[in-house]
Protein backbone atom coordinates (compact mmCIF):
# COMPACT_ATOMS: atom_id res chain seq x y z
CA MET A 1 0.02 -0.36 -0.16
CA ASP A 2 1.04 3.22 -0.82
CA PRO A 3 0.31 6.13 1.50
CA MET A 4 0.92 8.49 -1.10
CA ARG A 5 -2.13 7.34 -2.66
CA ASP A 6 -4.66 5.47 -0.72
CA PRO A 7 -6.20 6.78 2.08
CA THR A 8 -5.37 5.54 5.60
CA VAL A 9 -7.31 3.12 7.39
CA HIS A 10 -6.99 4.78 10.83
CA PRO A 11 -6.61 8.86 11.46
CA THR A 12 -2.64 9.03 13.17
CA VAL A 13 -4.38 10.10 16.75
CA ASP A 14 -7.22 8.49 18.09
CA PRO A 15 -10.08 10.94 19.00
CA SER A 16 -10.45 11.57 22.20
CA ILE A 17 -13.82 10.19 24.09
CA TYR A 18 -14.45 13.24 26.15
CA PRO A 19 -13.92 17.08 26.31
CA THR A 20 -11.66 18.11 27.70
CA GLU A 21 -14.28 20.18 30.21
CA GLN A 22 -17.08 18.97 31.36
CA PRO A 23 -20.35 20.74 30.65
CA SER A 24 -22.15 22.42 33.34
CA ALA A 25 -25.50 21.65 33.89
CA ASN A 26 -26.51 24.51 34.81
CA PRO A 27 -26.31 28.04 33.80
CA THR A 28 -23.95 30.26 35.66
CA SER A 29 -26.33 32.32 37.04
CA ASP A 30 -30.12 31.38 38.11
CA PRO A 31 -32.68 33.33 36.21
CA THR A 32 -34.70 36.17 38.16
CA ARG A 33 -37.87 34.74 38.79
CA GLU A 34 -39.66 38.56 38.90
CA PRO A 35 -38.58 42.03 37.29
CA THR A 36 -36.62 44.15 39.33
CA VAL A 37 -39.75 46.47 38.98
CA ASN A 38 -42.93 46.22 38.68
CA PRO A 39 -44.97 46.81 35.55
CA THR A 40 -48.13 49.73 35.91
CA SER A 41 -51.23 47.78 35.81
CA ALA A 42 -52.75 51.18 34.57
CA ALA A 43 -52.90 51.79 30.95
CA PRO A 44 -50.00 53.60 28.89
CA SER A 45 -49.92 57.36 29.72
CA THR A 46 -50.91 57.78 26.05
CA ASP A 47 -54.41 56.03 26.48
CA SER A 48 -55.33 57.35 29.64
CA PRO A 49 -54.45 60.72 30.92
CA SER A 50 -52.53 61.10 34.40
CA SER A 51 -55.08 62.78 36.11
CA SER A 52 -59.00 63.29 34.73
CA PRO A 53 -59.83 65.78 32.29
CA SER A 54 -61.65 68.73 33.55
CA ALA A 55 -65.14 68.84 32.84
CA GLU A 56 -65.73 73.14 32.41
CA PRO A 57 -62.89 75.30 31.38
CA SER A 58 -61.51 77.42 34.31
CA ASP A 59 -62.97 80.84 33.16
CA SER A 60 -66.19 80.81 31.48
CA PRO A 61 -66.00 82.31 28.39
CA SER A 62 -68.11 85.61 27.71
CA SER A 63 -71.29 85.44 26.11
CA ALA A 64 -71.35 88.38 24.37
CA PRO A 65 -68.34 90.62 22.92
CA SER A 66 -67.85 94.03 24.64
CA THR A 67 -68.74 96.27 21.54
CA THR A 68 -71.72 95.33 19.73
CA PRO A 69 -70.78 94.98 16.20
CA ALA A 70 -72.33 97.44 13.68
CA ASN A 71 -75.23 96.14 11.71
CA ALA A 72 -73.34 96.81 8.14
CA PRO A 73 -69.72 97.63 8.42
CA THR A 74 -68.26 98.85 5.05
CA ARG A 75 -65.48 97.38 2.99
CA ALA A 76 -64.19 100.37 1.98
CA PRO A 77 -61.61 102.14 3.44
CA THR A 78 -61.80 104.73 6.61
CA ASP A 79 -59.97 107.58 5.20
CA ASP A 80 -61.45 110.41 3.97
CA ALA A 81 -63.36 109.02 0.52
CA ASP A 82 -61.74 112.08 -0.80
CA GLU A 83 -58.39 111.48 -0.20
CA VAL A 84 -59.09 108.02 -1.65
CA PHE A 85 -60.93 108.05 -4.67
CA GLY A 86 -60.74 110.68 -7.42
CA VAL A 87 -63.79 110.77 -8.77
CA HIS A 88 -67.46 110.98 -7.47
CA ILE A 89 -70.73 111.47 -9.17
CA ASP A 90 -73.92 112.77 -7.95
CA ILE A 91 -77.18 110.21 -8.07
CA GLU A 92 -80.61 110.24 -7.17
CA TYR A 93 -82.74 106.79 -7.32
CA THR A 94 -86.94 106.89 -6.41
CA VAL A 95 -89.04 103.78 -5.03
CA SER A 96 -92.24 103.82 -5.13
CA GLY A 97 -94.92 101.33 -4.03
CA MET A 98 -93.76 101.19 -0.30
CA GLY A 99 -96.73 99.56 2.30
CA GLU A 100 -96.62 101.29 5.65
CA ALA A 101 -94.86 98.33 7.05
CA ASP A 102 -92.40 99.00 4.65
CA LYS A 103 -92.01 102.91 6.02
CA ARG A 104 -92.33 102.35 9.45
CA ARG A 105 -89.63 99.69 8.98
CA ILE A 106 -86.96 102.40 7.78
CA GLY A 107 -88.64 105.41 10.06
CA GLU A 108 -88.08 103.06 13.23
CA SER A 109 -84.27 101.79 12.76
CA ALA A 110 -83.30 104.06 9.55
CA GLU A 111 -79.79 102.99 11.09
CA GLU A 112 -80.17 99.53 10.06
CA THR A 113 -81.99 99.72 7.06
CA VAL A 114 -80.52 102.66 5.27
CA PRO A 115 -76.95 100.44 5.03
CA LEU A 116 -78.76 97.79 3.83
CA VAL A 117 -80.29 99.83 0.42
CA GLU A 118 -76.95 101.09 -0.11
CA GLU A 119 -75.58 97.49 -0.23
CA ALA A 120 -78.43 96.34 -2.31
CA LEU A 121 -77.64 99.44 -4.40
CA LYS A 122 -73.62 98.53 -4.84
CA SER A 123 -73.70 94.91 -5.00
CA ASN A 124 -75.24 95.61 -8.27
CA TYR A 125 -72.74 97.92 -9.81
CA ILE A 126 -69.87 95.62 -9.20
CA ASP A 127 -68.05 94.33 -12.29
CA GLU A 128 -64.72 92.95 -11.44
CA ASP A 129 -64.24 91.92 -15.64
CA ASN A 130 -64.60 96.18 -16.25
CA GLY A 131 -62.60 97.13 -13.06
CA VAL A 132 -65.70 97.80 -11.08
CA ALA A 133 -64.01 95.68 -7.51
CA TYR A 134 -65.95 96.36 -4.40
CA ASP A 135 -63.21 98.39 -2.96
CA ALA A 136 -62.60 100.76 -5.76
CA PHE A 137 -65.79 102.98 -5.41
CA GLU A 138 -68.04 103.89 -2.31
CA LEU A 139 -71.67 104.36 -2.15
CA ILE A 140 -72.88 106.96 0.67
CA ILE A 141 -76.99 107.35 1.02
CA ARG A 142 -76.76 111.35 1.88
CA ALA A 143 -80.94 111.96 1.78
CA ILE A 144 -84.16 110.28 1.85
CA ASN A 145 -86.59 112.52 0.65
CA GLY A 146 -84.64 115.52 1.95
CA ALA A 147 -83.95 113.56 5.18
CA THR A 148 -80.50 112.66 6.73
CA ARG A 149 -80.69 109.21 8.05
CA ASP A 150 -80.24 110.37 11.83
CA GLU A 151 -83.36 112.92 11.23
CA LEU A 152 -85.71 110.29 9.15
CA SER A 153 -89.05 109.25 10.13
CA GLU A 154 -92.51 107.88 9.60
CA GLU A 155 -93.49 111.54 8.44
CA ASP A 156 -90.74 112.36 5.46
CA LEU A 157 -91.30 108.55 4.36
CA ASP A 158 -95.09 109.68 4.08
CA LEU A 159 -95.20 110.14 0.61
CA PRO A 160 -95.81 107.89 -2.30
CA ILE A 161 -92.21 107.74 -3.57
CA MET A 162 -89.23 107.63 -1.48
CA LEU A 163 -86.55 109.88 -3.31
CA ILE A 164 -83.07 108.56 -2.74
CA GLY A 165 -80.43 111.29 -3.03
CA ALA A 166 -76.82 109.28 -2.85
CA GLU A 167 -72.80 110.08 -3.92
CA ILE A 168 -70.58 107.56 -5.67
CA GLU A 169 -67.46 108.22 -5.15
CA CYS A 170 -64.74 106.09 -7.15
CA VAL A 171 -61.31 105.41 -8.52
CA SER A 172 -60.66 107.48 -11.55
CA GLY A 173 -61.27 105.32 -15.03
CA ILE A 174 -64.38 103.42 -13.71
CA GLY A 175 -66.97 106.39 -13.14
CA GLU A 176 -67.91 106.18 -17.06
CA VAL A 177 -68.51 102.48 -16.26
CA ILE A 178 -70.64 102.77 -13.06
CA ILE A 179 -72.52 105.48 -15.10
CA ALA A 180 -73.10 103.49 -18.02
CA ARG A 181 -74.17 100.56 -16.04
CA SER A 182 -76.62 103.02 -14.04
CA GLN A 183 -78.65 103.49 -17.18
CA THR A 184 -78.96 100.05 -18.25
CA ALA A 185 -82.38 98.51 -17.59
CA GLU A 186 -80.74 95.16 -15.72
CA PHE A 187 -79.46 97.42 -12.92
CA ALA A 188 -83.28 98.62 -12.04
CA PHE A 189 -84.47 95.23 -12.42
CA GLU A 190 -81.32 93.74 -10.24
CA VAL A 191 -81.60 96.76 -7.47
CA GLN A 192 -85.47 96.24 -7.48
CA ARG A 193 -85.59 92.71 -7.30
CA ALA A 194 -83.48 92.69 -4.56
CA LEU A 195 -85.30 95.34 -2.99
CA ARG A 196 -88.26 93.48 -2.90
CA GLU A 197 -86.66 90.64 -1.39
CA MET A 198 -85.41 93.01 0.87
CA PHE A 199 -89.34 94.42 1.85
CA ASN A 200 -91.09 91.36 1.04
CA ASN A 201 -92.88 93.39 -0.96
CA THR A 202 -93.61 92.95 -4.69
CA ALA A 203 -95.10 95.97 -5.78
CA LEU A 204 -91.90 97.96 -5.07
CA THR A 205 -90.63 99.79 -8.37
CA PHE A 206 -86.87 101.10 -8.77
CA VAL A 207 -85.67 103.85 -10.93
CA VAL A 208 -82.49 105.55 -11.63
CA VAL A 209 -83.55 109.40 -11.69
CA ASP A 210 -82.24 110.99 -14.88
CA ALA A 211 -80.06 108.29 -16.39
CA GLU A 212 -78.95 109.89 -19.37
CA GLN A 213 -77.73 113.45 -17.86
CA LEU A 214 -74.79 111.99 -14.72
CA ALA A 215 -71.65 112.75 -15.15
CA ALA A 216 -68.28 112.01 -13.05
CA VAL A 217 -66.87 114.85 -11.82
CA ALA A 218 -62.83 114.68 -10.64
CA ASN A 219 -62.81 115.97 -7.57
CA SER A 220 -59.49 117.96 -7.99
CA GLU A 221 -61.57 119.59 -10.67
CA GLU A 222 -64.17 120.75 -8.60
CA GLY A 223 -61.42 121.86 -5.98
CA GLU A 224 -60.04 123.61 -8.73
CA SER A 225 -63.12 125.06 -9.88
CA ALA A 226 -63.62 126.64 -6.15
CA ASN A 227 -60.68 128.10 -6.89
CA GLU A 228 -60.86 129.70 -10.43
CA ASN A 229 -64.16 131.24 -8.93
CA ASP A 230 -62.86 132.75 -6.32
CA SER A 231 -60.16 134.40 -8.20
CA ASP A 232 -63.02 135.31 -10.72
CA ALA A 233 -64.96 137.00 -7.81
CA LEU A 234 -61.46 138.51 -6.25
CA PRO A 235 -62.02 141.17 -9.16
CA LEU A 236 -65.68 141.50 -9.02
CA ILE A 237 -65.60 141.98 -5.32
CA LEU A 238 -62.58 144.95 -5.78
CA ILE A 239 -64.61 146.78 -8.32
CA VAL A 240 -68.24 146.53 -5.98
CA ALA A 241 -66.23 147.71 -2.78
CA MET A 242 -64.64 150.69 -5.41
CA ALA A 243 -68.23 151.49 -6.72
CA VAL A 244 -69.54 151.64 -3.09
CA LEU A 245 -66.52 153.92 -2.25
CA LEU A 246 -66.80 156.74 -4.89
CA LEU A 247 -71.00 156.21 -4.30
CA LEU A 248 -70.26 157.08 -0.76
CA CYS A 249 -67.57 160.66 -1.61
CA SER A 250 -70.55 161.77 -3.84
CA VAL A 251 -72.82 161.85 -1.26
CA ALA A 252 -70.38 163.40 0.98
CA LEU A 253 -69.33 165.83 -1.67
CA VAL A 254 -72.84 166.74 -2.37
CA MET A 255 -74.07 167.19 1.23
CA GLY A 256 -71.06 169.10 1.66
CA LEU A 257 -71.88 171.48 -1.10
CA VAL A 258 -75.42 171.38 0.10
CA ARG A 259 -74.46 172.75 3.64
CA TYR A 260 -71.92 175.24 2.31
CA ARG A 261 -74.19 177.09 0.24
CA GLN A 262 -77.01 177.24 2.86
CA LYS A 263 -73.87 178.99 4.99
CA ALA A 264 -73.09 181.02 2.19
CA LYS A 265 -77.03 182.21 1.68
CA GLN A 266 -77.47 182.84 5.91
CA TRP A 267 -73.71 184.50 5.53
CA GLU A 268 -75.92 186.34 2.62
CA GLU A 269 -78.39 187.50 4.44
CA ASP A 270 -76.27 188.05 7.80
CA ARG A 271 -74.21 190.75 5.81
CA GLN A 272 -77.25 192.34 4.11
CA ILE A 273 -78.83 192.69 7.74
CA VAL A 274 -75.29 194.29 9.60
CA GLN A 275 -75.81 196.65 6.12
CA GLN A 276 -79.05 198.44 6.48
CA MET A 277 -78.31 198.30 10.21
CA GLN A 278 -74.89 200.19 9.39
CA MET A 279 -77.39 202.96 6.75
CA THR A 280 -79.59 203.01 9.60
CA GLN A 281 -77.50 204.38 11.89
CA THR A 282 -75.75 206.60 9.33
CA THR A 283 -79.21 208.36 8.48
CA THR A 284 -80.25 208.13 11.70
CA GLY A 285 -77.05 210.19 12.82
CA THR A 286 -77.26 213.05 10.07
CA ALA A 287 -80.86 214.16 11.02
CA GLY A 288 -79.30 214.90 14.19
CA MET A 289 -76.86 217.02 12.93
């Protein structure tokens, strides 16, 4: 047998029957039977709060705001309209067919009702495609049948027609758009429908007064016109003052002349009396001689 080619039948060293060290029958340390800290019996804190929630808030909320909001707040700027807008339009509307209940409502609560009418008018002018946005103009009712909203009463409304005097302030460039809108039948119809719904009265009729004669006036032009009028009036005032002064001088001169003539006449009469007395004395003296 050649060991270089054939495997050996037995290994050169007999294997050991037992390992070098006896394995331990038990682990080195006995495991603990209980955890070092007992787990909490309650559910995790995420599921249950640490303490019972309060049934009510600590402070009762106020039942009402400290101040009552306005019934119809405006969305327009609070600055002076002449400073914000460059153009104004004076316009009048009429509403007919109002019942006694409608008049009573306006007369007793004008501060609430008039802003609603303003809103009905303004909302039907809005045309954002043509630049008439809500904040581009402001519509204010100045008077109803000649009375302001502060003075308005049922007696002022005791007429067949309610005349609304209003003023529209707007930015430059949309005044003509608003005027054109005022002249359409659609505008009158939409405002009329809004007012009928507001007062629950299908007999109401709405009309824009003299719509064809409306004009947009620039606030600056109005101021310049007033200044020009003042400038034109100044020479006239001076002329009138000079005329009055000349008239007074003429009267004084005439009165002076009249008084002078009266004095001159009196002087002449006195001179003649003196001459007569002198002549009488001379004659008497001659006769005595």
